[in-house]
Amino acid sequence: MYSMPADETLLVREPANGALRPATRDEVLRAARASLARRLRRGASLESPRAAHDYLRMRMGALEHEVFGVLYLDLCGAVTYVRRRAG
């Protein structure tokens, strides 16, 4: 598990007063998922096993159950369709 060094803290700005405060664990995870989603939108090219891992983690990583899934790719490795079934 990744541990952030003590001198590095993710800060968020309070909408009400603009004050900065340390982010909660859920806010950090939400920001990370949003960042991955922007990088791996539908049509993103999965050019490496790591890219496929990141894509699947973003799509299904928060599920609390197993799933069977199929990624449909075009000839360039871009995701054209994702189908999943609960296992």
Foldseek 3Di string as FASTA:
>chain_A
DDDDDPVDFDWDADPVPRDIDGDDPVVVVVVVLVVLCVQQPQFHAQPDPVSVVSNCCSVPVVDPADKDKDFDADPRRGTDDIDIDTD
